[in-house]
Protein backbone atom coordinates (compact mmCIF):
# COMPACT_ATOMS: atom_id res chain seq x y z
CA UNK A 1 0.00 0.00 0.00
CA UNK A 2 1.11 3.56 -0.51
CA UNK A 3 3.08 4.28 2.65
CA UNK A 4 1.32 7.62 3.14
CA UNK A 5 -2.20 6.17 3.01
CA UNK A 6 -4.28 7.26 6.00
CA UNK A 7 -6.36 4.60 7.71
CA UNK A 8 -8.97 7.33 8.25
CA UNK A 9 -10.13 6.37 4.76
CA UNK A 10 -11.68 3.29 6.39
CA UNK A 11 -14.33 5.59 7.79
CA UNK A 12 -15.24 7.09 4.42
CA UNK A 13 -18.50 6.54 2.55
CA UNK A 14 -18.34 6.74 -1.24
CA UNK A 15 -21.44 7.49 -3.32
CA UNK A 16 -21.21 6.44 -6.96
CA UNK A 17 -23.11 8.35 -9.68
CA UNK A 18 -23.67 7.48 -13.33
CA UNK A 19 -24.80 10.90 -14.55
CA UNK A 20 -26.68 9.58 -17.61
CA UNK A 21 -29.06 7.50 -15.50
CA UNK A 22 -29.00 9.33 -12.17
CA UNK A 23 -31.79 11.76 -13.07
CA UNK A 24 -34.39 12.14 -15.81
CA UNK A 25 -32.35 15.03 -17.21
CA UNK A 26 -29.08 13.11 -17.14
CA UNK A 27 -26.99 16.25 -16.64
CA UNK A 28 -24.43 17.73 -14.27
CA UNK A 29 -26.85 20.50 -13.30
CA UNK A 30 -29.52 17.99 -12.30
CA UNK A 31 -27.12 16.34 -9.84
CA UNK A 32 -26.78 19.52 -7.78
CA UNK A 33 -30.29 19.34 -6.30
CA UNK A 34 -29.53 15.83 -5.00
CA UNK A 35 -26.32 16.71 -3.17
CA UNK A 36 -27.88 17.53 0.20
CA UNK A 37 -29.64 14.17 0.19
CA UNK A 38 -26.40 12.41 -0.76
CA UNK A 39 -24.54 14.23 2.01
CA UNK A 40 -27.18 13.17 4.54
CA UNK A 41 -26.38 9.52 3.80
CA UNK A 42 -23.01 10.10 5.44
CA UNK A 43 -21.20 10.49 2.13
CA UNK A 44 -17.62 11.74 2.14
CA UNK A 45 -16.69 11.16 -1.50
CA UNK A 46 -18.82 11.46 -4.64
CA UNK A 47 -17.47 9.21 -7.39
CA UNK A 48 -18.57 9.89 -10.95
CA UNK A 49 -18.49 7.09 -13.48
CA UNK A 50 -16.73 8.34 -16.65
CA UNK A 51 -18.21 11.65 -17.74
CA UNK A 52 -16.15 12.04 -20.92
CA UNK A 53 -17.26 12.03 -24.58
CA UNK A 54 -18.02 8.48 -25.73
CA UNK A 55 -16.71 7.00 -28.95
CA UNK A 56 -19.05 6.23 -31.83
CA UNK A 57 -17.08 3.53 -33.63
CA UNK A 58 -18.01 0.00 -32.44
CA UNK A 59 -20.36 1.58 -29.91
CA UNK A 60 -22.42 -0.77 -27.76
CA UNK A 61 -26.08 0.21 -27.53
CA UNK A 62 -27.49 3.54 -28.57
CA UNK A 63 -25.58 5.73 -26.14
CA UNK A 64 -22.44 3.65 -25.64
CA UNK A 65 -20.39 2.57 -22.68
CA UNK A 66 -18.89 5.41 -20.61
CA UNK A 67 -15.73 3.29 -20.52
CA UNK A 68 -15.21 3.64 -24.29
CA UNK A 69 -13.74 7.12 -24.02
CA UNK A 70 -13.08 9.45 -26.94
CA UNK A 71 -11.32 12.26 -25.11
CA UNK A 72 -9.83 12.11 -21.62
CA UNK A 73 -9.67 15.89 -21.31
CA UNK A 74 -13.25 17.02 -21.92
CA UNK A 75 -16.76 16.15 -20.77
CA UNK A 76 -19.70 14.49 -22.49
CA UNK A 77 -21.74 17.33 -24.05
CA UNK A 78 -24.92 15.41 -23.22
CA UNK A 79 -24.12 16.00 -19.55
CA UNK A 80 -23.31 19.68 -19.93
CA UNK A 81 -20.25 21.86 -20.31
CA UNK A 82 -16.91 21.87 -18.52
CA UNK A 83 -18.15 24.94 -16.67
CA UNK A 84 -21.18 22.95 -15.50
CA UNK A 85 -18.90 20.22 -14.17
CA UNK A 86 -16.66 22.71 -12.40
CA UNK A 87 -19.74 24.24 -10.77
CA UNK A 88 -20.81 20.76 -9.66
CA UNK A 89 -17.37 20.21 -8.12
CA UNK A 90 -17.73 23.48 -6.24
CA UNK A 91 -21.20 22.54 -4.96
CA UNK A 92 -19.86 19.21 -3.70
CA UNK A 93 -16.95 20.92 -1.98
CA UNK A 94 -19.32 23.44 -0.41
CA UNK A 95 -21.03 20.51 1.35
CA UNK A 96 -17.77 19.16 2.74
CA UNK A 97 -17.50 16.24 0.32
CA UNK A 98 -14.75 15.28 -2.11
CA UNK A 99 -14.95 14.55 -5.84
CA UNK A 100 -13.59 11.37 -7.38
CA UNK A 101 -13.64 10.71 -11.12
CA UNK A 102 -13.15 7.55 -13.13
CA UNK A 103 -9.83 7.15 -14.93
CA UNK A 104 -9.79 4.57 -17.73
CA UNK A 105 -6.18 4.22 -18.82
CA UNK A 106 -6.10 0.68 -20.17
CA UNK A 107 -7.98 1.57 -23.34
CA UNK A 108 -9.90 4.14 -25.37
CA UNK A 109 -12.65 4.01 -27.98
CA UNK A 110 -11.38 3.02 -31.46
CA UNK A 111 -12.08 6.57 -32.72
CA UNK A 112 -10.51 8.40 -29.80
CA UNK A 113 -8.38 11.50 -30.14
CA UNK A 114 -5.34 9.48 -29.11
CA UNK A 115 -6.07 6.74 -31.66
CA UNK A 116 -6.24 9.37 -34.40
CA UNK A 117 -3.33 11.53 -33.32
CA UNK A 118 -1.00 8.92 -31.78
CA UNK A 119 -1.76 5.50 -33.29
CA UNK A 120 1.72 4.34 -32.29
CA UNK A 121 0.67 4.48 -28.62
CA UNK A 122 -1.69 1.53 -29.07
CA UNK A 123 -1.48 -2.24 -28.91
CA UNK A 124 -1.51 -3.86 -32.34
CA UNK A 125 -2.65 -7.32 -33.35
CA UNK A 126 -0.42 -9.72 -35.29
CA UNK A 127 -1.96 -8.22 -38.43
CA UNK A 128 -0.95 -4.70 -37.36
CA UNK A 129 -4.47 -3.52 -36.48
CA UNK A 130 -5.82 -1.86 -33.36
CA UNK A 131 -7.21 -4.40 -30.96
CA UNK A 132 -7.79 -5.43 -27.39
CA UNK A 133 -6.53 -8.35 -25.40
CA UNK A 134 -9.83 -9.05 -23.63
CA UNK A 135 -12.18 -10.45 -26.24
CA UNK A 136 -15.61 -9.25 -25.08
CA UNK A 137 -14.48 -5.62 -24.80
CA UNK A 138 -15.31 -5.08 -28.44
CA UNK A 139 -15.94 -1.32 -28.19
CA UNK A 140 -12.43 -0.39 -27.11
CA UNK A 141 -8.78 -0.65 -28.19
CA UNK A 142 -5.88 -1.15 -25.80
CA UNK A 143 -3.12 1.32 -25.12
CA UNK A 144 0.53 0.23 -25.07
CA UNK A 145 2.54 1.62 -22.16
CA UNK A 146 5.90 0.95 -23.81
CA UNK A 147 5.78 4.56 -25.02
CA UNK A 148 7.10 7.23 -22.60
CA UNK A 149 5.17 9.97 -24.39
CA UNK A 150 1.93 8.19 -23.53
CA UNK A 151 2.94 8.24 -19.86
CA UNK A 152 3.56 11.97 -20.05
CA UNK A 153 0.20 12.63 -21.72
CA UNK A 154 -1.75 10.56 -19.23
CA UNK A 155 -0.05 12.15 -16.24
CA UNK A 156 -0.61 15.64 -17.65
CA UNK A 157 -4.29 14.74 -17.96
CA UNK A 158 -4.47 13.76 -14.29
CA UNK A 159 -2.78 17.01 -13.34
CA UNK A 160 -5.33 18.98 -15.35
CA UNK A 161 -8.24 17.36 -13.52
CA UNK A 162 -6.66 17.97 -10.12
CA UNK A 163 -6.24 21.63 -11.01
CA UNK A 164 -9.97 21.72 -11.78
CA UNK A 165 -10.69 20.60 -8.22
CA UNK A 166 -10.88 16.81 -8.49
CA UNK A 167 -9.86 15.14 -5.20
CA UNK A 168 -9.50 11.51 -6.21
CA UNK A 169 -9.27 8.95 -8.97
CA UNK A 170 -11.00 5.60 -9.28
CA UNK A 171 -8.82 3.80 -11.82
CA UNK A 172 -10.55 1.28 -14.05
CA UNK A 173 -8.81 -2.11 -14.38
CA UNK A 174 -5.70 -0.51 -12.89
CA UNK A 175 -3.93 -3.91 -12.62
CA UNK A 176 -3.62 -4.02 -16.42
CA UNK A 177 -1.42 -0.89 -16.44
CA UNK A 178 2.24 -1.04 -15.27
CA UNK A 179 2.73 -0.33 -11.56
CA UNK A 180 5.68 1.90 -12.50
CA UNK A 181 3.26 4.18 -14.34
CA UNK A 182 0.93 4.48 -11.34
CA UNK A 183 3.84 5.24 -9.03
CA UNK A 184 5.09 7.96 -11.33
CA UNK A 185 1.59 9.36 -11.78
CA UNK A 186 0.99 9.51 -8.04
CA UNK A 187 4.29 11.27 -7.44
CA UNK A 188 3.51 13.89 -10.10
CA UNK A 189 -0.03 14.52 -8.82
CA UNK A 190 1.22 14.92 -5.26
CA UNK A 191 3.22 17.93 -6.38
CA UNK A 192 -0.17 19.63 -6.91
CA UNK A 193 -2.25 18.03 -4.16
CA UNK A 194 -0.72 15.54 -1.75
CA UNK A 195 -4.15 14.47 -0.46
CA UNK A 196 -5.55 13.07 -3.71
CA UNK A 197 -7.21 9.69 -3.08
CA UNK A 198 -6.36 6.72 -5.30
CA UNK A 199 -8.84 3.86 -5.65
CA UNK A 200 -7.97 0.87 -7.81
CA UNK A 201 -10.54 -1.34 -9.43
CA UNK A 202 -8.55 -4.43 -8.58
CA UNK A 203 -9.67 -7.58 -10.37
CA UNK A 204 -10.80 -11.11 -9.58
CA UNK A 205 -8.09 -13.71 -8.87
CA UNK A 206 -9.23 -15.84 -11.80
CA UNK A 207 -8.90 -12.89 -14.17
CA UNK A 208 -5.37 -12.23 -12.92
CA UNK A 209 -4.38 -15.83 -13.60
CA UNK A 210 -5.98 -15.77 -17.05
CA UNK A 211 -4.19 -12.57 -18.08
CA UNK A 212 -0.85 -13.75 -16.74
CA UNK A 213 -1.22 -16.94 -18.77
CA UNK A 214 -1.30 -14.68 -21.84
CA UNK A 215 1.87 -12.84 -20.71
CA UNK A 216 -0.14 -9.71 -19.93
CA UNK A 217 0.36 -7.31 -17.05
CA UNK A 218 -2.00 -8.34 -14.25
CA UNK A 219 -1.14 -6.84 -10.88
CA UNK A 220 -2.23 -8.45 -7.64
CA UNK A 221 -3.73 -6.37 -4.86
CA UNK A 222 -0.42 -6.57 -3.00
CA UNK A 223 1.34 -5.03 -5.99
CA UNK A 224 -1.37 -2.42 -6.55
CA UNK A 225 -1.14 -1.25 -2.94
CA UNK A 226 2.31 0.17 -3.68
CA UNK A 227 0.63 3.10 -5.46
CA UNK A 228 -3.03 3.06 -4.39
CA UNK A 229 -4.83 3.91 -1.18
CA UNK A 230 -7.84 1.65 -1.71
CA UNK A 231 -8.73 -1.40 -3.72
CA UNK A 232 -11.97 -3.22 -4.48
CA UNK A 233 -12.69 -6.35 -2.46
CA UNK A 234 -12.80 -8.49 -5.59
CA UNK A 235 -10.18 -10.72 -3.99
CA UNK A 236 -13.02 -12.15 -1.86
CA UNK A 237 -15.99 -11.49 -4.13
CA UNK A 238 -16.00 -14.97 -5.66
CA UNK A 239 -16.42 -16.44 -2.18
CA UNK A 240 -19.28 -14.01 -1.46
CA UNK A 241 -21.02 -15.21 -4.63
CA UNK A 242 -20.48 -18.84 -3.70
CA UNK A 243 -22.00 -18.29 -0.26
CA UNK A 244 -25.01 -16.41 -1.65
CA UNK A 245 -25.56 -19.28 -4.10
CA UNK A 246 -25.36 -21.86 -1.30
CA UNK A 247 -22.18 -23.48 -2.60
CA UNK A 248 -20.01 -22.82 0.46
CA UNK A 249 -20.81 -22.20 4.11
CA UNK A 250 -20.41 -18.94 5.99
CA UNK A 251 -17.28 -20.11 7.79
CA UNK A 252 -15.52 -20.67 4.45
CA UNK A 253 -16.42 -17.14 3.32
CA UNK A 254 -15.27 -15.56 6.56
CA UNK A 255 -11.99 -17.50 6.52
CA UNK A 256 -11.33 -15.97 3.10
CA UNK A 257 -12.07 -12.50 4.47
CA UNK A 258 -9.62 -13.03 7.32
CA UNK A 259 -6.79 -13.56 4.84
CA UNK A 260 -6.92 -9.88 3.91
CA UNK A 261 -5.91 -8.78 7.38
CA UNK A 262 -2.61 -10.66 7.43
CA UNK A 263 -1.79 -10.48 3.72
CA UNK A 264 -1.86 -6.76 3.02
CA UNK A 265 0.08 -3.90 4.65
CA UNK A 266 -1.14 -2.68 8.04
CA UNK A 267 -2.78 0.42 6.55
CA UNK A 268 -4.65 -1.37 3.77
CA UNK A 269 -8.10 -0.04 2.87
CA UNK A 270 -10.69 -2.11 1.04
CA UNK A 271 -13.72 -0.50 -0.60
CA UNK A 272 -16.57 -2.68 0.66
CA UNK A 273 -19.64 -2.91 -1.54
CA UNK A 274 -22.68 -5.07 -2.15
CA UNK A 275 -23.30 -3.67 -5.62
CA UNK A 276 -21.71 -1.48 -8.26
CA UNK A 277 -22.17 -0.72 -11.94
CA UNK A 278 -20.59 -4.03 -12.99
CA UNK A 279 -22.85 -6.29 -10.93
CA UNK A 280 -26.52 -7.05 -10.46
CA UNK A 281 -28.36 -5.00 -7.89
CA UNK A 282 -28.03 -6.62 -4.49
CA UNK A 283 -31.80 -6.41 -4.07
CA UNK A 284 -32.02 -8.85 -6.96
CA UNK A 285 -29.55 -11.20 -5.27
CA UNK A 286 -30.91 -10.88 -1.71
CA UNK A 287 -34.65 -10.08 -2.02
CA UNK A 288 -35.57 -10.51 1.66
CA UNK A 289 -35.52 -7.16 3.48
CA UNK A 290 -34.24 -8.41 6.84
CA UNK A 291 -31.37 -10.39 5.29
CA UNK A 292 -30.40 -7.48 3.05
CA UNK A 293 -30.26 -5.11 6.03
CA UNK A 294 -27.97 -7.57 7.83
CA UNK A 295 -25.64 -7.75 4.83
CA UNK A 296 -25.69 -3.98 4.44
CA UNK A 297 -24.71 -3.45 8.07
CA UNK A 298 -22.01 -6.13 7.86
CA UNK A 299 -20.56 -4.43 4.78
CA UNK A 300 -20.41 -1.04 6.52
CA UNK A 301 -18.83 -2.41 9.68
CA UNK A 302 -16.01 -4.35 8.04
CA UNK A 303 -12.52 -2.87 7.93
CA UNK A 304 -12.62 -0.54 4.92
CA UNK A 305 -14.57 2.23 3.23
CA UNK A 306 -18.18 1.71 2.13
CA UNK A 307 -19.72 2.21 -1.30
CA UNK A 308 -23.31 3.22 -2.02
CA UNK A 309 -24.18 2.81 -5.70
CA UNK A 310 -26.82 5.30 -6.87
CA UNK A 311 -30.24 3.76 -6.32
CA UNK A 312 -29.10 1.36 -3.61
CA UNK A 313 -30.71 3.63 -1.02
CA UNK A 314 -34.17 2.87 -2.48
CA UNK A 315 -33.41 -0.86 -2.92
CA UNK A 316 -33.60 -0.51 -6.69
CA UNK A 317 -33.83 -3.94 -8.33
CA UNK A 318 -33.12 -3.04 -11.94
CA UNK A 319 -29.46 -2.79 -12.89
CA UNK A 320 -29.19 0.31 -15.11
CA UNK A 321 -27.78 -0.26 -18.57
CA UNK A 322 -24.28 1.00 -19.24
CA UNK A 323 -25.02 1.28 -22.94
CA UNK A 324 -28.39 3.03 -23.15
CA UNK A 325 -30.33 5.76 -21.42
CA UNK A 326 -31.94 3.96 -18.51
CA UNK A 327 -32.86 6.26 -15.59
CA UNK A 328 -33.01 4.85 -12.08
CA UNK A 329 -36.52 4.05 -10.85
CA UNK A 330 -36.48 6.13 -7.69
CA UNK A 331 -40.15 5.35 -6.90
CA UNK A 332 -39.43 1.83 -5.67
CA UNK A 333 -41.60 2.18 -2.58
CA UNK A 334 -38.55 1.64 -0.36
CA UNK A 335 -36.10 4.03 1.24
CA UNK A 336 -33.28 2.90 3.55
CA UNK A 337 -31.55 6.27 3.59
CA UNK A 338 -31.92 6.71 7.36
CA UNK A 339 -30.56 3.20 7.91
CA UNK A 340 -27.53 3.90 5.72
CA UNK A 341 -26.95 7.22 7.48
CA UNK A 342 -27.10 5.46 10.86
CA UNK A 343 -24.55 2.87 9.75
CA UNK A 344 -22.26 5.61 8.47
CA UNK A 345 -22.57 7.48 11.76
CA UNK A 346 -21.72 4.37 13.79
CA UNK A 347 -18.78 3.56 11.57
CA UNK A 348 -17.39 7.07 11.89
CA UNK A 349 -18.06 7.59 15.61
CA UNK A 350 -17.69 4.22 17.29
CA UNK A 351 -15.59 1.81 15.21
CA UNK A 352 -11.96 2.07 16.43
CA UNK A 353 -9.14 2.50 13.94
CA UNK A 354 -6.57 0.91 16.25
CA UNK A 355 -6.34 -2.41 18.01
CA UNK A 356 -7.21 -5.97 16.98
CA UNK A 357 -9.81 -6.73 14.30
CA UNK A 358 -11.47 -10.16 14.45
CA UNK A 359 -14.10 -12.04 12.46
CA UNK A 360 -15.87 -15.24 13.46
CA UNK A 361 -18.69 -17.22 11.84
CA UNK A 362 -21.17 -19.82 13.04
CA UNK A 363 -22.41 -22.29 10.44
CA UNK A 364 -25.35 -23.45 12.52
CA UNK A 365 -26.96 -19.99 12.63
CA UNK A 366 -25.27 -18.37 9.60
CA UNK A 367 -24.17 -15.59 11.91
CA UNK A 368 -21.04 -13.46 11.68
CA UNK A 369 -19.51 -11.69 14.68
CA UNK A 370 -16.86 -9.02 14.24
CA UNK A 371 -15.04 -7.00 16.82
CA UNK A 372 -12.50 -4.22 17.05
CA UNK A 373 -10.64 -4.26 20.36
CA UNK A 374 -8.25 -1.66 21.68
CA UNK A 375 -7.02 -0.88 25.18
CA UNK A 376 -10.16 1.02 26.15
CA UNK A 377 -13.14 -0.44 24.32
CA UNK A 378 -14.39 -3.27 22.14
CA UNK A 379 -16.83 -2.70 19.31
CA UNK A 380 -18.96 -5.72 18.44
CA UNK A 381 -21.11 -6.37 15.38
CA UNK A 382 -23.40 -9.37 15.03
CA UNK A 383 -25.07 -10.17 11.71
CA UNK A 384 -27.70 -12.89 11.25
CA UNK A 385 -27.39 -13.41 7.51
CA UNK A 386 -30.11 -16.03 7.04
CA UNK A 387 -32.84 -14.99 9.50
CA UNK A 388 -31.90 -17.87 11.77
CA UNK A 389 -33.19 -18.47 15.27
CA UNK A 390 -31.15 -19.47 18.27
CA UNK A 391 -28.27 -18.12 20.30
CA UNK A 392 -24.51 -17.78 20.04
CA UNK A 393 -21.69 -17.59 22.55
CA UNK A 394 -20.91 -13.95 23.20
CA UNK A 395 -17.77 -12.94 25.18
CA UNK A 396 -19.30 -10.05 27.10
CA UNK A 397 -20.32 -9.82 30.75
CA UNK A 398 -23.95 -10.68 31.40
CA UNK A 399 -26.21 -7.67 31.46
CA UNK A 400 -28.26 -5.27 29.39
CA UNK A 401 -26.75 -3.32 26.50
CA UNK A 402 -27.96 -0.88 23.85
CA UNK A 403 -27.88 -1.78 20.17
CA UNK A 404 -26.31 1.25 18.50
CA UNK A 405 -28.17 0.49 15.25
CA UNK A 406 -31.73 0.09 16.53
CA UNK A 407 -31.40 1.78 19.97
CA UNK A 408 -33.12 -1.31 21.41
CA UNK A 409 -31.98 -3.10 24.56
CA UNK A 410 -30.31 -6.50 24.27
CA UNK A 411 -29.54 -8.87 27.11
CA UNK A 412 -26.58 -11.21 27.53
CA UNK A 413 -27.42 -14.16 29.78
CA UNK A 414 -24.96 -16.90 30.78
CA UNK A 415 -22.59 -15.70 28.08
CA UNK A 416 -25.24 -16.22 25.37
CA UNK A 417 -26.81 -13.76 22.92
CA UNK A 418 -30.15 -14.49 21.28
CA UNK A 419 -29.71 -13.63 17.63
CA UNK A 420 -32.29 -11.35 16.02
CA UNK A 421 -33.44 -10.19 12.61
CA UNK A 422 -31.94 -6.78 13.31
CA UNK A 423 -28.16 -6.27 12.95
CA UNK A 424 -26.43 -5.58 16.23
CA UNK A 425 -23.67 -3.13 17.13
CA UNK A 426 -22.37 -2.75 20.69
CA UNK A 427 -19.60 -0.67 22.25
CA UNK A 428 -18.31 -2.19 25.47
CA UNK A 429 -15.72 -0.74 27.87
CA UNK A 430 -12.81 -3.07 28.61
CA UNK A 431 -12.58 -2.14 32.32
């Protein structure tokens, strides 16, 4: 991990916006009226999916993927002007939040400015044509980082966005780009703003192995942490999927999660999330309200930052298209905004940053217990992921305690806790 990374990032909440589908207007200006609501969720960082002009050649769908970028240095005119975006940045800053933008440096659209002006900066097939090394990404062409001038251009682009007020970069498939580039880019950006936040979309272990078998660059999370502050938790996502599908038990999933805490540097930060633009809505995967609230609380209380993907706060079921205009259905009849805000408050105010972090699972009840213990206090979280009934051993003195999430009283008797359909968070003094 970048040595200067602050573990305070573990207390941050990131809200992800796809401007095209966020509002009916699909513009920068339309986002402004939603900022107070976003702030009230406990949001610290607003992350915008790519807001650049989209290529037309080989376009997928009518509107195209935002990850098939035509020009890294301008904004999609359908969203508004550069002045509109700068005003949006200012409005976000005025509310005490930071701005993160998507950086997509593995590839561009086939008709991008760089492809036209600097074709030598691109990967070529055996036949000498533009191409990409990941077959189903048919709307993009890969860059080739053997060219120093490309490095200079890309870093200058980052510097330009920082000078416009951008506070962070979420870097798409960052493991496919040389780590030496990211290190150089970070060093250059720090000359302008040393507090810029770097989030890597790290990739699934199977994808890393596949790319390496083709002699491609495919950085592990441990390598990526040299330059980045945060990574996705895709290193454990396959095990999450297996558990949800009933193919492994909860203890197997939790054992995989534990590996993170002794594999990565002490100040590692994972971006925890139940959904994002690349996956189905979690409401679709976990339709039962009580179970979804347990998973949501567990996600927020784990060691790391927390992501809210636009629409998650209303339990949206439909996954918005990346390729066509497909506004979020905000009238879902559900709203868990207060619940998310409560989780964010607890994470910020009560979860210690120091001390020992532990995770335990119980197969019989499908319950997970986590705790953070320092010299003064222990924070406990208990999550009943399958609406089970029963009790679990709980290492706290018998007595009555207050659930920080629900404000309800809970009782420990004979070292046992009756599990409930409401997630539990307790703060207990160690003396």
